[in-house]
Protein backbone atom coordinates (compact mmCIF):
# COMPACT_ATOMS: atom_id res chain seq x y z
CA MET A 1 -16.49 22.37 12.43
CA ALA A 2 -12.89 23.19 12.75
CA GLN A 3 -10.86 24.54 9.87
CA LEU A 4 -7.27 23.69 9.04
CA VAL A 5 -4.86 25.86 7.12
CA VAL A 6 -1.63 24.49 5.54
CA ARG A 7 0.78 27.06 4.27
CA ARG A 8 3.77 26.83 1.98
CA LEU A 9 2.77 23.69 0.16
CA ASP A 10 4.84 22.84 -2.88
CA PRO A 11 2.84 23.71 -6.07
CA LYS A 12 3.53 20.19 -7.35
CA VAL A 13 1.91 18.80 -4.14
CA VAL A 14 -1.11 20.98 -4.74
CA MET A 15 -1.37 19.88 -8.42
CA GLU A 16 -1.26 16.14 -7.42
CA LEU A 17 -3.91 16.72 -4.86
CA ARG A 18 -6.14 18.47 -7.52
CA LYS A 19 -5.59 15.61 -9.91
CA ARG A 20 -6.30 12.92 -7.15
CA ALA A 21 -9.57 14.67 -6.28
CA ALA A 22 -10.61 15.01 -9.88
CA ARG A 23 -9.92 11.27 -10.46
CA ARG A 24 -12.08 10.45 -7.46
CA GLY A 25 -14.85 12.88 -8.39
CA ARG A 26 -14.48 14.90 -5.18
CA SER A 27 -13.69 18.55 -4.56
CA MET A 28 -10.16 19.25 -3.29
CA GLU A 29 -11.47 19.91 0.14
CA ALA A 30 -13.46 16.66 0.33
CA GLU A 31 -10.30 14.75 -0.85
CA HIS A 32 -8.14 16.50 1.88
CA ARG A 33 -10.77 15.44 4.52
CA GLU A 34 -10.54 11.96 3.27
CA ILE A 35 -6.75 11.73 3.20
CA LEU A 36 -6.68 13.03 6.74
CA ARG A 37 -9.36 10.60 7.80
CA ALA A 38 -7.54 7.61 6.41
CA ALA A 39 -4.23 8.72 7.80
CA LEU A 40 -5.69 8.84 11.27
CA ARG A 41 -8.00 5.68 11.14
CA PRO A 42 -6.91 3.20 13.86
CA VAL A 43 -4.66 0.57 12.52
CA ARG A 44 -5.90 -3.15 12.90
CA GLY A 45 -3.51 -5.36 14.80
CA ALA A 46 -0.99 -7.39 12.93
CA LYS A 47 -2.16 -10.60 11.39
CA SER A 48 -1.14 -13.85 12.83
CA LEU A 49 1.19 -16.28 10.81
CA LYS A 50 -1.92 -18.41 10.33
CA GLU A 51 -3.90 -15.55 8.85
CA LEU A 52 -1.06 -14.69 6.45
CA LEU A 53 -0.66 -18.28 5.33
CA LEU A 54 -4.39 -18.64 4.64
CA LEU A 55 -4.14 -15.58 2.47
CA MET A 56 -1.50 -16.97 0.18
CA PRO A 57 -2.88 -18.31 -3.10
CA ALA A 58 -2.48 -21.95 -4.14
CA ALA A 59 0.83 -22.34 -5.72
CA GLY A 60 0.62 -25.83 -7.20
CA GLN A 61 1.83 -29.25 -5.98
CA ASP A 62 4.58 -29.39 -3.38
CA SER A 63 6.58 -31.43 -5.88
CA ASP A 64 6.82 -28.22 -8.01
CA PHE A 65 9.09 -26.94 -5.33
CA ALA A 66 11.18 -30.06 -4.87
CA ARG A 67 14.83 -29.54 -4.33
CA LEU A 68 17.09 -29.86 -7.31
CA ARG A 69 19.80 -32.53 -6.86
CA GLY A 70 23.26 -32.17 -8.51
CA LYS A 71 26.02 -29.83 -8.99
CA ALA A 72 25.23 -26.28 -8.08
CA ARG A 73 26.06 -23.64 -10.60
CA ARG A 74 29.35 -21.54 -10.02
CA VAL A 75 28.83 -18.08 -8.56
CA ARG A 76 31.40 -15.38 -8.55
CA LEU A 77 31.15 -12.84 -5.74
């Protein structure tokens, strides 16, 4: 299997990678592999408007969003 060496990493980045690996119960090397795998995973096509609308949670009755009638409040720009 190929190896990859990354030089001159900011020590803060290394520390965050170490913490992330520990939180996930992985070695740093395994965490690096997973990050690269996820970054290079093919992106699924964009969702259609219908799919996005179906993902929206129920927000109550349409009357909850009825337009308010009357004077608008004054706005200073």
